[in-house]
Amino acid sequence: MRIVPNPVLPGCHPDPSVCRVGEDYFLVTSTFSYHPGIPVHHSRDLVTWRLVGHVLDGESWLPLEGNTVSHGVWAPTIRHHDGVFYVVFTVVRGDEGATTYVATTTDPSGRWTVPTPLEADGIDPSLFFDQDGRAWFTAARDAVAPDATGPGEIWMRELDLGSLTLVGPTRILWHGALTGQWVEAPHIYERDGRYHLIGAEGGTGRNHAVTAATSDSVTGPYTTDPRSPLLTHRHLGSGEAVQYVGHADLVESPDGEAWALLLGVRPVAGHHTLGREVLLVPVEWDEHGPVLAPGAGRVQGVLPGLPDTASGPADWVSLRGPVVSEVADGAVTLHPQPVPLSGRGIPAFLGRRQDMHGFVFETLLATEHIGEHDAGVVALQDENTFLAARVRRRADGCVVRVTGRMGGAEVTRTEVPVAGDVVLRIRSDGRSYEFVAGTSDGEHLLAAFPHTALSTETAGGFVGVLLGVVNEAPEDAGPLTFRGVRYDAP
């Protein structure tokens, strides 16, 4: 089988799930507290992906105010049956618990239904349509079975497609392959009359792994595939270009080739800022089940060093809900909100996923339009970890300064006076973030931080860096237009 360039979808796109209809593949990924939620990507070759819509937008949106950035929409699964696309997903709301939903459509690039809640414990829901047309729902939860052999378990109920409700008994399928590890990310596949349950174990860090179990019946009992883990990079050492490999979903091409889409990260010096990205590996089936990355046992096609190209047009996102904005021709107009990035409301922020290690992200602001605004460019992990170069007006004129939070602690750097048009720029070589102001008298380096300051390893959580613009001000302060917004390789 051919070696493909990886990642096939760079930047923060965790927990990939894929289905094929004819020659068309459709991919969904987790979005946590980003709005709009659950992007739908389309491909004809599994390598080149194009954003065609979102499951959660407009009337289908579910409010997420009060959430941390890493709560929200987790681990969707997309499936197709009898002309209908189904996406099941979980919304985690911190101490309030989690709710699992199902949304449907006949056009994945169009509108989706308002999500229907399901009576389902846990996270990482999935659907399997058997050859008899019955739909089976699986998910992961803390083990409740008295004979549990692990801390988590995969459970199953039937989904009634007419009422979109779970019916019939709950069946506990599997407690995982690895002693003491929580099993998650279940997907079921049928091959030659045998059922194969793929899961993920080892957490979301370096011990992440793809594991499996098999059964003669869709409802079990399932027996651990002794070849587990089927794929992991935890044994390859810290120098491996891709780490944290796991959470796989399998798909077959029209000509019978099998592939797995899964997640992984590309760390720099042990820290990653891009989030968990989508990887592609070939699959072969033998008499025991699927073999992931046959002959290699690892993700291939990742170039050494830090060569990157942007993945394409931006999927602009806000936090926890929609903001009033317009994006067109390299300009972003953003209406203000008095909501800080450090809060859990909906700030006046629009960002795009950082998907290159080395980059330049910049925009131009006219200081004559700065009144009560505190506006500029931001590199954001979450509400406790972000850095921004912002312009604001003082009594004697405008200044630009770097502020933010690192691990929840406030960060402030020296103010620099500015006038006229000012270019605000964030640039990186993959190992540092520099914040720069360009004025008529030249370029001013405002501050520089190691990339570890914004890494997931430092901040915690499950996301990567967003690069965006912010307009924090009273609502009546008026909108600002960020002109010449550019994101490119350095």
Protein backbone atom coordinates (compact mmCIF):
# COMPACT_ATOMS: atom_id res chain seq x y z
CA MET A 1 0.00 0.00 0.00
CA ARG A 2 1.09 3.56 -0.70
CA ILE A 3 2.58 5.90 1.92
CA VAL A 4 0.53 9.08 2.24
CA PRO A 5 1.70 12.47 3.53
CA ASN A 6 0.66 12.97 7.14
CA PRO A 7 -1.17 14.61 8.77
CA VAL A 8 -3.98 14.67 6.22
CA LEU A 9 -5.86 17.30 8.27
CA PRO A 10 -3.43 19.42 10.33
CA GLY A 11 -4.28 21.54 13.33
CA CYS A 12 -6.68 20.78 16.17
CA HIS A 13 -9.06 18.16 14.70
CA PRO A 14 -9.17 15.39 17.33
CA ASP A 15 -11.16 12.16 17.41
CA PRO A 16 -11.73 11.70 13.66
CA SER A 17 -14.66 9.66 12.41
CA VAL A 18 -15.30 8.86 8.76
CA CYS A 19 -17.90 7.27 6.51
CA ARG A 20 -18.06 6.69 2.76
CA VAL A 21 -21.04 7.08 0.44
CA GLY A 22 -20.18 6.04 -3.10
CA GLU A 23 -16.94 7.80 -3.98
CA ASP A 24 -17.36 10.47 -1.29
CA TYR A 25 -15.83 10.40 2.18
CA PHE A 26 -17.14 12.55 5.04
CA LEU A 27 -15.12 13.29 8.17
CA VAL A 28 -16.13 14.82 11.52
CA THR A 29 -13.97 15.79 14.51
CA SER A 30 -14.32 17.13 18.06
CA THR A 31 -14.72 20.87 18.61
CA PHE A 32 -14.99 21.22 22.40
CA SER A 33 -16.24 24.79 23.08
CA TYR A 34 -15.62 26.16 19.59
CA HIS A 35 -18.49 27.61 17.54
CA PRO A 36 -19.64 26.43 15.02
CA GLY A 37 -19.36 22.83 16.16
CA ILE A 38 -18.35 19.57 14.48
CA PRO A 39 -16.91 20.55 11.10
CA VAL A 40 -17.79 18.25 8.20
CA HIS A 41 -14.95 17.69 5.74
CA HIS A 42 -15.29 16.00 2.35
CA SER A 43 -12.73 14.08 0.32
CA ARG A 44 -12.49 11.79 -2.69
CA ASP A 45 -9.05 10.36 -1.80
CA LEU A 46 -8.82 10.46 2.04
CA VAL A 47 -5.79 12.74 1.71
CA THR A 48 -7.18 16.09 0.53
CA TRP A 49 -10.04 17.36 2.67
CA ARG A 50 -12.36 20.33 2.09
CA LEU A 51 -14.62 21.89 4.72
CA VAL A 52 -18.25 21.69 3.54
CA GLY A 53 -20.27 22.50 6.66
CA HIS A 54 -20.89 22.07 10.37
CA VAL A 55 -23.27 19.84 12.30
CA LEU A 56 -23.80 22.43 15.06
CA ASP A 57 -24.64 25.86 13.68
CA GLY A 58 -27.68 28.07 13.52
CA GLU A 59 -30.76 26.29 14.87
CA SER A 60 -28.78 23.12 15.62
CA TRP A 61 -26.31 24.94 17.92
CA LEU A 62 -26.20 23.93 21.60
CA PRO A 63 -25.21 26.78 23.99
CA LEU A 64 -21.91 26.25 25.82
CA GLU A 65 -21.60 29.30 28.09
CA GLY A 66 -19.94 28.42 31.38
CA ASN A 67 -17.72 25.75 29.87
CA THR A 68 -13.98 25.66 29.84
CA VAL A 69 -12.58 25.57 26.31
CA SER A 70 -11.77 21.84 26.64
CA HIS A 71 -15.30 20.91 27.70
CA GLY A 72 -18.12 20.98 25.19
CA VAL A 73 -18.45 18.74 22.13
CA TRP A 74 -16.50 15.49 22.36
CA ALA A 75 -15.82 12.62 19.96
CA PRO A 76 -18.52 12.60 17.28
CA THR A 77 -19.13 9.57 15.06
CA ILE A 78 -20.59 9.89 11.56
CA ARG A 79 -22.44 7.06 9.79
CA HIS A 80 -24.73 6.74 6.75
CA HIS A 81 -27.75 4.47 6.37
CA ASP A 82 -30.58 4.43 3.81
CA GLY A 83 -29.89 7.93 2.55
CA VAL A 84 -29.55 9.52 6.00
CA PHE A 85 -26.37 10.72 7.71
CA TYR A 86 -26.22 10.31 11.50
CA VAL A 87 -23.80 12.01 13.87
CA VAL A 88 -23.73 11.04 17.55
CA PHE A 89 -21.68 13.08 20.01
CA THR A 90 -21.42 14.04 23.67
CA VAL A 91 -21.56 17.52 25.20
CA VAL A 92 -19.58 17.70 28.45
CA ARG A 93 -20.56 20.55 30.75
CA GLY A 94 -18.10 20.24 33.60
CA ASP A 95 -19.71 19.58 36.96
CA GLU A 96 -23.14 19.44 35.31
CA GLY A 97 -22.22 16.16 33.64
CA ALA A 98 -22.57 15.08 30.03
CA THR A 99 -25.39 14.59 27.54
CA THR A 100 -25.20 12.51 24.37
CA TYR A 101 -27.07 13.61 21.24
CA VAL A 102 -27.86 12.46 17.72
CA ALA A 103 -28.32 14.77 14.72
CA THR A 104 -29.28 13.79 11.19
CA THR A 105 -29.35 15.13 7.63
CA THR A 106 -29.69 13.95 4.05
CA ASP A 107 -27.08 16.51 2.93
CA PRO A 108 -23.91 16.66 5.06
CA SER A 109 -22.99 20.05 3.59
CA GLY A 110 -26.41 21.49 4.45
CA ARG A 111 -28.53 21.90 7.55
CA TRP A 112 -28.59 19.30 10.31
CA THR A 113 -31.51 18.65 12.62
CA VAL A 114 -31.71 20.08 16.09
CA PRO A 115 -29.86 17.42 18.13
CA THR A 116 -31.97 14.86 19.96
CA PRO A 117 -30.73 13.87 23.45
CA LEU A 118 -30.21 10.18 24.12
CA GLU A 119 -30.49 8.26 27.38
CA ALA A 120 -26.81 7.37 27.35
CA ASP A 121 -24.08 7.34 29.99
CA GLY A 122 -20.49 8.22 29.28
CA ILE A 123 -18.68 9.57 26.22
CA ASP A 124 -17.40 8.62 22.76
CA PRO A 125 -20.68 7.39 21.26
CA SER A 126 -20.75 5.40 18.04
CA LEU A 127 -23.28 3.75 15.71
CA PHE A 128 -23.14 0.47 13.83
CA PHE A 129 -25.71 -0.52 11.19
CA ASP A 130 -25.86 -4.28 10.81
CA GLN A 131 -26.80 -6.07 7.61
CA ASP A 132 -30.33 -6.63 8.90
CA GLY A 133 -30.83 -2.85 9.16
CA ARG A 134 -30.75 -2.69 12.95
CA ALA A 135 -28.80 0.19 14.47
CA TRP A 136 -26.59 -0.38 17.49
CA PHE A 137 -25.35 2.40 19.76
CA THR A 138 -22.14 1.99 21.75
CA ALA A 139 -20.33 4.30 24.16
CA ALA A 140 -17.67 4.30 26.89
CA ARG A 141 -18.34 4.81 30.58
CA ASP A 142 -16.95 4.03 34.02
CA ALA A 143 -17.30 0.32 34.71
CA VAL A 144 -20.41 -0.68 36.62
CA ALA A 145 -20.27 -4.43 36.05
CA PRO A 146 -19.36 -6.31 39.26
CA ASP A 147 -16.96 -8.53 37.31
CA ALA A 148 -15.26 -5.64 35.50
CA THR A 149 -11.64 -6.28 34.55
CA GLY A 150 -10.87 -2.60 33.97
CA PRO A 151 -11.91 0.88 35.15
CA GLY A 152 -13.99 1.53 32.03
CA GLU A 153 -16.36 -0.42 29.84
CA ILE A 154 -17.93 -0.33 26.40
CA TRP A 155 -21.70 -0.78 26.50
CA MET A 156 -24.43 -1.15 23.86
CA ARG A 157 -28.13 -0.55 23.27
CA GLU A 158 -30.23 -0.63 20.13
CA LEU A 159 -31.19 2.69 18.52
CA ASP A 160 -34.75 2.91 17.21
CA LEU A 161 -34.40 4.89 13.99
CA GLY A 162 -38.02 6.00 13.91
CA SER A 163 -38.08 7.66 17.33
CA LEU A 164 -34.31 8.19 17.72
CA THR A 165 -34.43 6.62 21.16
CA LEU A 166 -32.41 3.84 22.75
CA VAL A 167 -34.45 0.70 23.28
CA GLY A 168 -33.95 -2.77 24.66
CA PRO A 169 -31.48 -4.01 27.26
CA THR A 170 -28.06 -2.57 27.99
CA ARG A 171 -25.26 -4.95 27.12
CA ILE A 172 -21.75 -4.60 28.48
CA LEU A 173 -19.39 -5.59 25.68
CA TRP A 174 -15.81 -5.17 26.86
CA HIS A 175 -13.56 -3.75 29.56
CA GLY A 176 -10.54 -3.22 27.33
CA ALA A 177 -7.33 -5.03 26.54
CA LEU A 178 -4.86 -3.25 28.81
CA THR A 179 -4.90 -3.87 32.56
CA GLY A 180 -5.78 -0.75 34.52
CA GLN A 181 -6.49 1.40 31.45
CA TRP A 182 -9.79 3.16 30.68
CA VAL A 183 -11.22 1.96 27.36
CA GLU A 184 -12.92 4.46 25.03
CA ALA A 185 -13.58 5.38 21.36
CA PRO A 186 -15.55 2.23 20.40
CA HIS A 187 -16.35 1.46 16.75
CA ILE A 188 -17.80 -1.84 15.48
CA TYR A 189 -17.18 -3.36 12.02
CA GLU A 190 -18.44 -6.60 10.49
CA ARG A 191 -16.17 -8.71 8.30
CA ASP A 192 -17.05 -12.16 6.93
CA GLY A 193 -19.69 -12.69 9.59
CA ARG A 194 -17.44 -11.73 12.50
CA TYR A 195 -17.68 -8.50 14.50
CA HIS A 196 -14.63 -6.42 15.38
CA LEU A 197 -14.72 -3.81 18.16
CA ILE A 198 -11.96 -1.20 17.91
CA GLY A 199 -11.19 0.92 20.96
CA ALA A 200 -8.61 3.29 22.38
CA GLU A 201 -6.72 2.91 25.64
CA GLY A 202 -3.83 4.50 27.49
CA GLY A 203 -5.23 8.00 27.89
CA THR A 204 -4.77 10.94 25.52
CA GLY A 205 -1.00 11.24 25.97
CA ARG A 206 2.03 9.25 24.87
CA ASN A 207 0.56 5.90 26.00
CA HIS A 208 -2.45 6.25 23.67
CA ALA A 209 -3.10 3.06 21.68
CA VAL A 210 -5.56 1.32 19.36
CA THR A 211 -6.89 -1.96 20.81
CA ALA A 212 -9.48 -4.47 19.65
CA ALA A 213 -11.87 -7.29 20.53
CA THR A 214 -13.89 -9.75 18.43
CA SER A 215 -17.18 -11.61 18.60
CA ASP A 216 -19.42 -13.92 16.57
CA SER A 217 -22.41 -11.74 17.52
CA VAL A 218 -22.84 -7.98 17.39
CA THR A 219 -24.12 -8.02 20.97
CA GLY A 220 -21.18 -10.05 22.25
CA PRO A 221 -19.58 -11.49 24.22
CA TYR A 222 -16.37 -9.88 22.90
CA THR A 223 -12.94 -11.41 23.39
CA THR A 224 -9.82 -9.25 23.42
CA ASP A 225 -7.76 -9.50 20.25
CA PRO A 226 -4.42 -10.78 21.60
CA ARG A 227 -2.55 -8.63 19.09
CA SER A 228 -3.62 -5.52 21.01
CA PRO A 229 -2.42 -2.84 20.81
CA LEU A 230 -2.92 -2.85 17.06
CA LEU A 231 -1.13 0.50 16.78
CA THR A 232 0.71 2.76 19.20
CA HIS A 233 3.80 4.97 19.19
CA ARG A 234 4.45 4.82 22.92
CA HIS A 235 7.35 2.40 22.42
CA LEU A 236 9.11 4.56 19.80
CA GLY A 237 10.62 7.11 22.17
CA SER A 238 10.38 10.87 22.55
CA GLY A 239 12.21 11.50 19.27
CA GLU A 240 9.44 10.07 17.12
CA ALA A 241 7.88 12.75 14.89
CA VAL A 242 4.32 11.69 15.78
CA GLN A 243 3.15 10.91 19.32
CA TYR A 244 -0.14 10.17 21.14
CA VAL A 245 -1.42 7.93 18.32
CA GLY A 246 -4.89 6.42 18.77
CA HIS A 247 -8.68 6.83 18.42
CA ALA A 248 -9.05 5.10 15.04
CA ASP A 249 -11.99 4.78 12.66
CA LEU A 250 -11.82 2.42 9.67
CA VAL A 251 -13.21 2.89 6.16
CA GLU A 252 -13.02 0.99 2.88
CA SER A 253 -12.46 2.62 -0.51
CA PRO A 254 -14.64 1.85 -3.56
CA ASP A 255 -11.90 -0.45 -4.89
CA GLY A 256 -11.66 -2.41 -1.65
CA GLU A 257 -8.64 -0.77 0.02
CA ALA A 258 -8.99 -0.37 3.78
CA TRP A 259 -7.72 2.64 5.71
CA ALA A 260 -7.75 3.99 9.25
CA LEU A 261 -8.07 7.62 10.23
CA LEU A 262 -6.71 8.35 13.68
CA LEU A 263 -5.26 11.13 15.77
CA GLY A 264 -1.74 12.06 16.78
CA VAL A 265 0.40 15.07 17.66
CA ARG A 266 3.64 16.50 16.27
CA PRO A 267 5.58 17.78 19.28
CA VAL A 268 8.58 20.10 19.21
CA ALA A 269 11.01 19.42 22.05
CA GLY A 270 8.34 17.39 23.84
CA HIS A 271 5.58 20.02 23.61
CA HIS A 272 2.81 20.33 21.03
CA THR A 273 0.84 23.45 20.18
CA LEU A 274 -1.10 22.33 17.09
CA GLY A 275 -3.43 20.01 18.95
CA ARG A 276 -4.30 16.46 17.91
CA GLU A 277 -4.32 16.12 14.14
CA VAL A 278 -5.83 13.63 11.68
CA LEU A 279 -3.51 10.89 10.40
CA LEU A 280 -4.08 8.21 7.76
CA VAL A 281 -2.64 4.69 7.73
CA PRO A 282 -3.35 1.69 5.47
CA VAL A 283 -5.16 -1.35 6.84
CA GLU A 284 -5.10 -5.00 5.80
CA TRP A 285 -7.56 -7.61 6.99
CA ASP A 286 -6.38 -11.13 7.79
CA GLU A 287 -8.06 -14.07 9.48
CA HIS A 288 -7.67 -12.39 12.91
CA GLY A 289 -8.96 -8.94 12.00
CA PRO A 290 -7.53 -5.60 10.90
CA VAL A 291 -3.78 -4.97 10.70
CA LEU A 292 -3.03 -1.26 10.98
CA ALA A 293 0.01 0.09 9.12
CA PRO A 294 1.01 -3.39 7.87
CA GLY A 295 4.72 -3.95 7.42
CA ALA A 296 5.55 -0.75 9.28
CA GLY A 297 3.63 -0.73 12.58
CA ARG A 298 3.77 3.06 12.71
CA VAL A 299 2.42 6.19 11.06
CA GLN A 300 4.51 7.00 8.01
CA GLY A 301 4.82 9.96 5.67
CA VAL A 302 5.57 12.61 8.31
CA LEU A 303 8.52 14.69 7.11
CA PRO A 304 11.34 15.36 9.58
CA GLY A 305 11.92 18.84 10.92
CA LEU A 306 9.25 21.53 10.72
CA PRO A 307 8.17 21.91 7.07
CA ASP A 308 4.54 22.98 6.96
CA THR A 309 1.92 24.36 4.64
CA ALA A 310 -1.43 25.74 5.73
CA SER A 311 -4.39 23.39 5.30
CA GLY A 312 -6.46 25.87 3.31
CA PRO A 313 -9.13 28.51 3.94
CA ALA A 314 -9.73 29.26 7.59
CA ASP A 315 -12.52 27.66 9.58
CA TRP A 316 -13.08 30.74 11.74
CA VAL A 317 -14.40 29.87 15.19
CA SER A 318 -15.58 31.75 18.24
CA LEU A 319 -15.82 30.50 21.83
CA ARG A 320 -18.99 28.97 23.34
CA GLY A 321 -21.36 30.61 20.90
CA PRO A 322 -21.77 32.91 17.89
CA VAL A 323 -20.36 36.45 17.72
CA VAL A 324 -21.46 39.31 15.49
CA SER A 325 -18.85 39.44 12.75
CA GLU A 326 -18.20 39.60 9.03
CA VAL A 327 -15.30 37.88 7.27
CA ALA A 328 -14.53 38.78 3.65
CA ASP A 329 -11.58 39.55 1.37
CA GLY A 330 -8.92 39.34 4.06
CA ALA A 331 -10.82 41.55 6.48
CA VAL A 332 -12.56 40.63 9.72
CA THR A 333 -15.11 43.01 11.21
CA LEU A 334 -15.84 42.17 14.82
CA HIS A 335 -18.48 43.76 17.02
CA PRO A 336 -17.35 44.29 20.64
CA GLN A 337 -18.29 42.49 23.81
CA PRO A 338 -17.19 43.34 27.38
CA VAL A 339 -16.39 39.66 28.00
CA PRO A 340 -12.75 38.81 28.81
CA LEU A 341 -10.94 35.90 27.19
CA SER A 342 -10.24 34.68 30.73
CA GLY A 343 -13.95 34.22 31.43
CA ARG A 344 -16.39 31.52 30.40
CA GLY A 345 -18.78 33.64 28.41
CA ILE A 346 -18.74 34.50 24.70
CA PRO A 347 -15.95 37.04 24.08
CA ALA A 348 -15.66 39.07 20.89
CA PHE A 349 -13.06 36.70 19.46
CA LEU A 350 -12.62 34.95 16.13
CA GLY A 351 -9.76 32.55 15.56
CA ARG A 352 -8.45 29.88 13.26
CA ARG A 353 -6.56 26.73 14.17
CA GLN A 354 -2.79 26.98 14.11
CA ASP A 355 -1.85 24.17 11.72
CA MET A 356 1.78 25.05 10.96
CA HIS A 357 4.70 25.11 13.37
CA GLY A 358 6.28 28.10 11.65
CA PHE A 359 3.89 30.87 10.63
CA VAL A 360 3.08 34.56 10.45
CA PHE A 361 -0.35 35.77 11.55
CA GLU A 362 -0.95 39.48 11.16
CA THR A 363 -3.52 42.21 10.71
CA LEU A 364 -3.67 46.00 10.41
CA LEU A 365 -5.61 48.23 12.80
CA ALA A 366 -6.22 51.95 12.34
CA THR A 367 -5.63 53.59 15.72
CA GLU A 368 -7.99 56.46 14.79
CA HIS A 369 -10.85 53.96 15.25
CA ILE A 370 -9.68 52.83 18.70
CA GLY A 371 -11.90 54.29 21.41
CA GLU A 372 -12.83 52.15 24.38
CA HIS A 373 -11.59 49.07 22.54
CA ASP A 374 -8.92 46.71 23.79
CA ALA A 375 -8.28 45.00 20.48
CA GLY A 376 -5.60 43.02 18.72
CA VAL A 377 -4.22 39.61 17.85
CA VAL A 378 -4.28 36.55 20.11
CA ALA A 379 -2.61 33.15 20.40
CA LEU A 380 -5.07 31.23 22.57
CA GLN A 381 -5.01 27.79 24.16
CA ASP A 382 -7.86 28.32 26.61
CA GLU A 383 -9.23 30.78 29.14
CA ASN A 384 -6.21 30.28 31.42
CA THR A 385 -3.47 30.26 28.77
CA PHE A 386 -3.35 32.89 26.03
CA LEU A 387 -1.13 35.75 24.87
CA ALA A 388 -2.24 38.83 22.96
CA ALA A 389 -0.84 42.02 21.43
CA ARG A 390 -3.57 44.63 21.91
CA VAL A 391 -4.04 48.30 21.14
CA ARG A 392 -5.91 50.56 23.53
CA ARG A 393 -6.30 54.30 23.96
CA ARG A 394 -4.71 56.22 26.81
CA ALA A 395 -5.23 59.89 27.68
CA ASP A 396 -2.23 60.89 25.55
CA GLY A 397 -2.78 58.49 22.65
CA CYS A 398 -2.80 54.82 21.75
CA VAL A 399 -0.44 52.16 23.06
CA VAL A 400 0.16 48.52 22.17
CA ARG A 401 1.19 45.97 24.73
CA VAL A 402 1.29 42.22 25.26
CA THR A 403 -1.03 40.82 27.91
CA GLY A 404 -2.55 37.46 28.68
CA ARG A 405 -2.52 34.58 31.08
CA MET A 406 -0.10 31.70 31.56
CA GLY A 407 -1.34 28.92 33.80
CA GLY A 408 -3.99 31.30 35.11
CA ALA A 409 -1.47 33.99 36.13
CA GLU A 410 -1.67 37.43 34.53
CA VAL A 411 1.03 38.39 32.01
CA THR A 412 1.81 42.03 31.08
CA ARG A 413 4.67 43.51 29.08
CA THR A 414 5.79 47.13 28.54
CA GLU A 415 3.51 49.44 26.56
CA VAL A 416 4.73 51.00 23.30
CA PRO A 417 3.10 54.20 21.95
CA VAL A 418 1.61 53.87 18.45
CA ALA A 419 -0.20 56.15 16.02
CA GLY A 420 -1.77 55.84 12.62
CA ASP A 421 -2.00 52.38 11.11
CA VAL A 422 -0.32 49.62 13.12
CA VAL A 423 0.40 46.08 11.95
CA LEU A 424 0.03 43.56 14.75
CA ARG A 425 1.89 40.34 14.09
CA ILE A 426 2.41 36.97 15.77
CA ARG A 427 5.19 34.89 14.28
CA SER A 428 6.79 31.61 15.17
CA ASP A 429 9.58 29.32 14.06
CA GLY A 430 7.95 26.44 15.93
CA ARG A 431 9.99 27.03 19.06
CA SER A 432 8.88 30.51 20.12
CA TYR A 433 6.05 32.99 19.71
CA GLU A 434 7.03 36.58 18.95
CA PHE A 435 4.60 39.49 19.19
CA VAL A 436 5.47 42.41 16.94
CA ALA A 437 4.05 45.87 16.17
CA GLY A 438 4.84 47.44 12.82
CA THR A 439 4.47 51.23 12.57
CA SER A 440 5.64 53.99 10.25
CA ASP A 441 8.96 54.11 12.10
CA GLY A 442 9.69 50.39 11.83
CA GLU A 443 9.08 47.07 13.56
CA HIS A 444 8.98 46.73 17.34
CA LEU A 445 9.40 43.39 19.07
CA LEU A 446 6.98 43.59 21.97
CA ALA A 447 7.65 40.23 23.62
CA ALA A 448 8.75 36.67 22.92
CA PHE A 449 7.77 33.45 24.67
CA PRO A 450 8.92 29.83 24.27
CA HIS A 451 6.41 27.60 22.50
CA THR A 452 6.11 25.61 25.72
CA ALA A 453 4.16 28.54 27.23
CA LEU A 454 1.24 27.75 24.91
CA SER A 455 1.59 23.98 24.64
CA THR A 456 -1.05 21.49 25.70
CA GLU A 457 1.52 19.81 27.95
CA THR A 458 1.82 23.11 29.89
CA ALA A 459 -1.80 24.26 29.76
CA GLY A 460 -3.53 20.90 30.06
CA GLY A 461 -6.79 20.26 28.26
CA PHE A 462 -7.40 18.76 24.84
CA VAL A 463 -7.01 21.53 22.27
CA GLY A 464 -4.37 23.31 20.20
CA VAL A 465 -3.62 26.99 19.68
CA LEU A 466 -6.09 29.29 17.96
CA LEU A 467 -4.71 32.40 16.21
CA GLY A 468 -7.25 35.16 16.09
CA VAL A 469 -8.47 38.68 16.73
CA VAL A 470 -10.25 40.13 19.75
CA ASN A 471 -12.33 43.28 20.33
CA GLU A 472 -13.01 43.62 24.04
CA ALA A 473 -15.11 46.70 24.76
CA PRO A 474 -18.59 47.82 25.80
CA GLU A 475 -21.21 46.77 23.25
CA ASP A 476 -21.83 50.40 22.23
CA ALA A 477 -18.16 51.03 21.46
CA GLY A 478 -18.73 50.07 17.85
CA PRO A 479 -17.23 47.40 15.59
CA LEU A 480 -13.63 47.30 14.45
CA THR A 481 -12.34 46.05 11.10
CA PHE A 482 -9.10 44.11 11.13
CA ARG A 483 -7.69 44.63 7.64
CA GLY A 484 -5.20 42.55 5.73
CA VAL A 485 -5.63 39.50 7.94
CA ARG A 486 -2.95 37.06 6.82
CA TYR A 487 -1.85 33.60 7.97
CA ASP A 488 1.03 32.08 6.09
CA ALA A 489 4.37 30.33 6.32
CA PRO A 490 7.17 32.65 7.53
